[in-house]
N, C-alpha and C. Protein backbone atom coordinates (compact mmCIF):
# COMPACT_ATOMS: atom_id res chain seq x y z
N MET A 1 -10.13 -18.45 -18.72
CA MET A 1 -10.49 -18.34 -17.31
C MET A 1 -9.99 -17.00 -16.77
N GLY A 2 -10.82 -16.30 -16.05
CA GLY A 2 -10.42 -15.02 -15.49
C GLY A 2 -9.89 -15.17 -14.07
N LEU A 3 -9.33 -14.10 -13.62
CA LEU A 3 -8.78 -14.07 -12.27
C LEU A 3 -9.92 -14.02 -11.25
N ASP A 4 -9.87 -14.86 -10.23
CA ASP A 4 -10.86 -14.87 -9.15
C ASP A 4 -10.48 -13.77 -8.17
N MET A 5 -11.22 -12.68 -8.18
CA MET A 5 -10.90 -11.53 -7.34
C MET A 5 -11.77 -11.49 -6.07
N SER A 6 -12.31 -12.64 -5.66
CA SER A 6 -13.16 -12.65 -4.48
C SER A 6 -12.37 -12.52 -3.17
N SER A 7 -11.07 -12.80 -3.22
CA SER A 7 -10.20 -12.59 -2.06
C SER A 7 -8.76 -12.53 -2.57
N PHE A 8 -7.86 -12.04 -1.72
CA PHE A 8 -6.45 -11.99 -2.10
C PHE A 8 -5.94 -13.40 -2.39
N GLY A 9 -6.23 -14.33 -1.50
CA GLY A 9 -5.75 -15.69 -1.67
C GLY A 9 -6.24 -16.33 -2.95
N ARG A 10 -7.51 -16.13 -3.26
CA ARG A 10 -8.06 -16.70 -4.49
C ARG A 10 -7.47 -16.04 -5.72
N ALA A 11 -7.21 -14.75 -5.65
CA ALA A 11 -6.57 -14.06 -6.78
C ALA A 11 -5.17 -14.63 -7.03
N ILE A 12 -4.42 -14.84 -5.95
CA ILE A 12 -3.07 -15.38 -6.08
C ILE A 12 -3.12 -16.81 -6.62
N ALA A 13 -4.00 -17.64 -6.05
CA ALA A 13 -4.10 -19.03 -6.48
C ALA A 13 -4.51 -19.13 -7.95
N SER A 14 -5.51 -18.34 -8.35
CA SER A 14 -5.97 -18.45 -9.73
C SER A 14 -4.92 -17.93 -10.71
N ALA A 15 -4.19 -16.87 -10.35
CA ALA A 15 -3.13 -16.36 -11.23
C ALA A 15 -1.98 -17.37 -11.32
N ARG A 16 -1.65 -17.97 -10.19
CA ARG A 16 -0.57 -18.98 -10.17
C ARG A 16 -0.94 -20.16 -11.07
N LYS A 17 -2.17 -20.63 -10.96
CA LYS A 17 -2.61 -21.77 -11.76
C LYS A 17 -2.67 -21.41 -13.24
N GLU A 18 -3.10 -20.19 -13.56
CA GLU A 18 -3.11 -19.75 -14.96
C GLU A 18 -1.71 -19.78 -15.56
N LYS A 19 -0.71 -19.52 -14.73
CA LYS A 19 0.68 -19.51 -15.19
C LYS A 19 1.31 -20.89 -15.14
N GLY A 20 0.56 -21.89 -14.67
CA GLY A 20 1.06 -23.25 -14.61
C GLY A 20 2.15 -23.46 -13.58
N MET A 21 2.12 -22.67 -12.51
CA MET A 21 3.16 -22.76 -11.48
C MET A 21 2.65 -23.55 -10.27
N SER A 22 3.54 -24.28 -9.64
CA SER A 22 3.21 -24.93 -8.37
C SER A 22 3.37 -23.90 -7.25
N GLN A 23 2.84 -24.23 -6.09
CA GLN A 23 3.03 -23.35 -4.95
C GLN A 23 4.51 -23.22 -4.61
N LYS A 24 5.22 -24.32 -4.71
CA LYS A 24 6.65 -24.29 -4.40
C LYS A 24 7.39 -23.36 -5.36
N GLU A 25 7.06 -23.43 -6.66
CA GLU A 25 7.71 -22.56 -7.64
C GLU A 25 7.43 -21.09 -7.35
N LEU A 26 6.16 -20.78 -7.08
CA LEU A 26 5.82 -19.38 -6.81
C LEU A 26 6.50 -18.90 -5.53
N ALA A 27 6.47 -19.72 -4.50
CA ALA A 27 7.07 -19.31 -3.21
C ALA A 27 8.53 -18.92 -3.38
N THR A 28 9.27 -19.63 -4.23
CA THR A 28 10.69 -19.31 -4.40
C THR A 28 10.90 -17.97 -5.11
N LYS A 29 9.87 -17.48 -5.80
CA LYS A 29 9.99 -16.22 -6.55
C LYS A 29 9.53 -15.00 -5.75
N ILE A 30 8.82 -15.22 -4.64
CA ILE A 30 8.32 -14.12 -3.81
C ILE A 30 9.34 -13.87 -2.70
N VAL A 31 10.04 -12.76 -2.82
CA VAL A 31 11.14 -12.47 -1.90
C VAL A 31 10.71 -11.40 -0.89
N LYS A 32 10.92 -11.72 0.38
CA LYS A 32 10.60 -10.78 1.46
C LYS A 32 11.63 -9.65 1.50
N GLU A 33 11.37 -8.67 2.34
CA GLU A 33 12.27 -7.53 2.49
C GLU A 33 13.67 -7.95 2.90
N ASP A 34 13.78 -9.06 3.63
CA ASP A 34 15.10 -9.51 4.10
C ASP A 34 15.87 -10.32 3.05
N GLY A 35 15.29 -10.45 1.85
CA GLY A 35 15.95 -11.16 0.78
C GLY A 35 15.67 -12.65 0.72
N GLU A 36 14.95 -13.15 1.71
CA GLU A 36 14.60 -14.58 1.75
C GLU A 36 13.26 -14.79 1.05
N ALA A 37 13.12 -15.93 0.40
CA ALA A 37 11.85 -16.28 -0.24
C ALA A 37 10.84 -16.70 0.83
N ILE A 38 9.56 -16.53 0.51
CA ILE A 38 8.53 -17.02 1.42
C ILE A 38 8.51 -18.55 1.34
N THR A 39 7.91 -19.18 2.32
CA THR A 39 7.83 -20.64 2.33
C THR A 39 6.57 -21.09 1.59
N PRO A 40 6.60 -22.30 1.05
CA PRO A 40 5.38 -22.83 0.43
C PRO A 40 4.21 -22.88 1.42
N GLN A 41 4.48 -23.15 2.69
CA GLN A 41 3.41 -23.19 3.69
C GLN A 41 2.78 -21.81 3.87
N TYR A 42 3.61 -20.76 3.90
CA TYR A 42 3.08 -19.39 4.00
C TYR A 42 2.21 -19.08 2.79
N LEU A 43 2.66 -19.47 1.60
CA LEU A 43 1.87 -19.26 0.38
C LEU A 43 0.56 -20.05 0.46
N ASN A 44 0.62 -21.28 0.93
CA ASN A 44 -0.59 -22.08 1.08
C ASN A 44 -1.57 -21.38 2.01
N ASP A 45 -1.07 -20.85 3.12
CA ASP A 45 -1.94 -20.12 4.06
C ASP A 45 -2.56 -18.90 3.39
N ILE A 46 -1.79 -18.18 2.59
CA ILE A 46 -2.32 -17.02 1.87
C ILE A 46 -3.41 -17.47 0.89
N GLU A 47 -3.12 -18.50 0.11
CA GLU A 47 -4.08 -18.95 -0.90
C GLU A 47 -5.38 -19.47 -0.29
N HIS A 48 -5.31 -19.94 0.95
CA HIS A 48 -6.51 -20.43 1.63
C HIS A 48 -7.08 -19.38 2.59
N ASP A 49 -6.65 -18.13 2.41
CA ASP A 49 -7.15 -16.99 3.18
C ASP A 49 -6.99 -17.14 4.69
N ARG A 50 -5.96 -17.86 5.09
CA ARG A 50 -5.64 -17.96 6.52
C ARG A 50 -4.67 -16.87 6.94
N ARG A 51 -3.98 -16.28 5.96
CA ARG A 51 -3.04 -15.18 6.22
C ARG A 51 -3.16 -14.18 5.09
N SER A 52 -2.72 -12.96 5.38
CA SER A 52 -2.66 -11.91 4.37
C SER A 52 -1.21 -11.48 4.24
N PRO A 53 -0.86 -10.86 3.12
CA PRO A 53 0.53 -10.38 2.99
C PRO A 53 0.79 -9.35 4.08
N SER A 54 1.97 -9.40 4.63
CA SER A 54 2.28 -8.57 5.80
C SER A 54 2.85 -7.20 5.47
N SER A 55 3.03 -6.90 4.18
CA SER A 55 3.63 -5.61 3.84
C SER A 55 3.31 -5.21 2.40
N ASP A 56 3.50 -3.92 2.12
CA ASP A 56 3.38 -3.42 0.75
C ASP A 56 4.36 -4.15 -0.15
N HIS A 57 5.53 -4.44 0.38
CA HIS A 57 6.56 -5.11 -0.40
C HIS A 57 6.06 -6.46 -0.94
N LEU A 58 5.42 -7.25 -0.07
CA LEU A 58 4.94 -8.55 -0.51
C LEU A 58 3.81 -8.43 -1.53
N VAL A 59 2.93 -7.47 -1.35
CA VAL A 59 1.87 -7.25 -2.34
C VAL A 59 2.52 -6.94 -3.69
N SER A 60 3.52 -6.08 -3.67
CA SER A 60 4.22 -5.72 -4.91
C SER A 60 4.92 -6.92 -5.53
N GLU A 61 5.51 -7.78 -4.70
CA GLU A 61 6.18 -8.97 -5.20
C GLU A 61 5.19 -9.91 -5.91
N PHE A 62 4.05 -10.16 -5.26
CA PHE A 62 3.04 -11.01 -5.89
C PHE A 62 2.58 -10.39 -7.21
N ALA A 63 2.34 -9.09 -7.21
CA ALA A 63 1.88 -8.41 -8.43
C ALA A 63 2.90 -8.53 -9.54
N LYS A 64 4.16 -8.33 -9.20
CA LYS A 64 5.23 -8.37 -10.21
C LYS A 64 5.38 -9.78 -10.79
N VAL A 65 5.48 -10.77 -9.93
CA VAL A 65 5.72 -12.13 -10.38
C VAL A 65 4.53 -12.68 -11.16
N LEU A 66 3.32 -12.36 -10.70
CA LEU A 66 2.13 -12.92 -11.34
C LEU A 66 1.54 -11.99 -12.41
N LYS A 67 2.16 -10.83 -12.58
CA LYS A 67 1.72 -9.86 -13.59
C LYS A 67 0.25 -9.45 -13.38
N ILE A 68 -0.02 -9.02 -12.14
CA ILE A 68 -1.34 -8.52 -11.74
C ILE A 68 -1.14 -7.07 -11.32
N ASP A 69 -2.08 -6.23 -11.67
CA ASP A 69 -2.00 -4.83 -11.23
C ASP A 69 -2.01 -4.79 -9.71
N PRO A 70 -1.00 -4.20 -9.10
CA PRO A 70 -0.95 -4.19 -7.63
C PRO A 70 -2.15 -3.49 -6.99
N LEU A 71 -2.71 -2.49 -7.66
CA LEU A 71 -3.87 -1.81 -7.08
C LEU A 71 -5.06 -2.75 -6.97
N ALA A 72 -5.21 -3.68 -7.89
CA ALA A 72 -6.28 -4.67 -7.81
C ALA A 72 -6.06 -5.56 -6.58
N LEU A 73 -4.81 -5.94 -6.32
CA LEU A 73 -4.53 -6.76 -5.14
C LEU A 73 -4.78 -6.00 -3.86
N TYR A 74 -4.39 -4.73 -3.82
CA TYR A 74 -4.68 -3.92 -2.63
C TYR A 74 -6.19 -3.86 -2.40
N GLY A 75 -6.94 -3.76 -3.49
CA GLY A 75 -8.39 -3.68 -3.37
C GLY A 75 -9.00 -4.91 -2.73
N VAL A 76 -8.54 -6.10 -3.12
CA VAL A 76 -9.14 -7.32 -2.57
C VAL A 76 -8.73 -7.58 -1.13
N ILE A 77 -7.64 -6.99 -0.68
CA ILE A 77 -7.29 -7.17 0.75
C ILE A 77 -7.77 -6.00 1.59
N GLY A 78 -8.42 -5.03 0.93
CA GLY A 78 -8.97 -3.90 1.69
C GLY A 78 -7.90 -3.01 2.28
N MET A 79 -6.83 -2.84 1.54
CA MET A 79 -5.70 -2.05 2.00
C MET A 79 -5.34 -1.03 0.93
N LEU A 80 -4.85 0.09 1.34
CA LEU A 80 -4.40 1.10 0.39
C LEU A 80 -2.88 1.06 0.28
N PRO A 81 -2.35 1.29 -0.92
CA PRO A 81 -0.90 1.38 -1.04
C PRO A 81 -0.35 2.53 -0.19
N GLU A 82 0.89 2.42 0.19
CA GLU A 82 1.52 3.45 1.04
C GLU A 82 1.36 4.85 0.46
N GLN A 83 1.52 5.00 -0.86
CA GLN A 83 1.41 6.33 -1.46
C GLN A 83 0.02 6.93 -1.23
N ASP A 84 -1.02 6.10 -1.24
CA ASP A 84 -2.37 6.61 -1.00
C ASP A 84 -2.62 6.85 0.48
N ARG A 85 -2.02 6.03 1.35
CA ARG A 85 -2.14 6.28 2.79
C ARG A 85 -1.52 7.63 3.15
N LYS A 86 -0.42 7.97 2.48
CA LYS A 86 0.22 9.28 2.71
C LYS A 86 -0.71 10.40 2.30
N LEU A 87 -1.38 10.24 1.17
CA LEU A 87 -2.33 11.27 0.72
C LEU A 87 -3.46 11.46 1.72
N ILE A 88 -3.95 10.36 2.26
CA ILE A 88 -5.05 10.44 3.23
C ILE A 88 -4.60 11.18 4.48
N ARG A 89 -3.38 10.92 4.92
CA ARG A 89 -2.87 11.60 6.13
C ARG A 89 -2.77 13.11 5.94
N LYS A 90 -2.65 13.55 4.68
CA LYS A 90 -2.54 14.98 4.38
C LYS A 90 -3.89 15.61 4.05
N SER A 91 -4.95 14.83 4.09
CA SER A 91 -6.27 15.30 3.67
C SER A 91 -7.21 15.49 4.85
N THR A 92 -8.30 16.18 4.57
CA THR A 92 -9.34 16.33 5.58
C THR A 92 -10.29 15.13 5.49
N PRO A 93 -11.03 14.85 6.55
CA PRO A 93 -12.00 13.75 6.48
C PRO A 93 -13.00 13.93 5.33
N ASP A 94 -13.40 15.17 5.07
CA ASP A 94 -14.35 15.42 4.00
C ASP A 94 -13.74 15.09 2.63
N GLN A 95 -12.47 15.43 2.43
CA GLN A 95 -11.80 15.10 1.17
C GLN A 95 -11.70 13.59 0.96
N VAL A 96 -11.39 12.88 2.03
CA VAL A 96 -11.28 11.42 1.95
C VAL A 96 -12.65 10.83 1.61
N ASN A 97 -13.69 11.30 2.28
CA ASN A 97 -15.04 10.81 2.01
C ASN A 97 -15.42 11.06 0.55
N GLN A 98 -15.17 12.25 0.05
CA GLN A 98 -15.49 12.58 -1.34
C GLN A 98 -14.74 11.67 -2.31
N ALA A 99 -13.51 11.38 -2.01
CA ALA A 99 -12.71 10.50 -2.87
C ALA A 99 -13.29 9.10 -2.91
N PHE A 100 -13.71 8.58 -1.75
CA PHE A 100 -14.29 7.24 -1.73
C PHE A 100 -15.66 7.20 -2.39
N VAL A 101 -16.44 8.25 -2.26
CA VAL A 101 -17.72 8.32 -2.97
C VAL A 101 -17.49 8.27 -4.48
N ALA A 102 -16.53 9.04 -4.96
CA ALA A 102 -16.21 9.05 -6.39
C ALA A 102 -15.69 7.67 -6.84
N PHE A 103 -14.89 7.05 -6.01
CA PHE A 103 -14.35 5.72 -6.30
C PHE A 103 -15.48 4.71 -6.46
N ARG A 104 -16.41 4.69 -5.49
CA ARG A 104 -17.53 3.76 -5.55
C ARG A 104 -18.40 4.01 -6.76
N ARG A 105 -18.65 5.28 -7.04
CA ARG A 105 -19.48 5.65 -8.19
C ARG A 105 -18.83 5.13 -9.48
N HIS A 106 -17.54 5.29 -9.58
CA HIS A 106 -16.83 4.85 -10.78
C HIS A 106 -16.91 3.33 -10.97
N LEU A 107 -16.74 2.57 -9.87
CA LEU A 107 -16.77 1.12 -9.99
C LEU A 107 -18.17 0.59 -10.26
N LYS A 108 -19.18 1.28 -9.77
CA LYS A 108 -20.56 0.83 -10.02
C LYS A 108 -20.95 1.07 -11.47
N GLY A 109 -20.25 2.03 -12.11
CA GLY A 109 -20.48 2.31 -13.53
C GLY A 109 -21.74 3.03 -13.72
């Protein structure tokens, strides 16, 4: 079974199930910036696409624990990692457009 990349929540749920983890087990492994684990209810909301991760840190935590490339997760939530947002802030609109055109061309194959 492959990872369901149709949304962030579905990607997390399918990866969690592939690993044989319960929501409670996964929630205890996802640690917020303040050092506290997320709640199973928060994870449930994410998996049902009622919430999105609130920070780069949480995206990285999910990627690390579930062994998913973080860039793939950023892609399904329509967000760029901080390092790429910094590059965009230093670029011209034309450079950004050219980069996205090349990105789309590459994914279309």
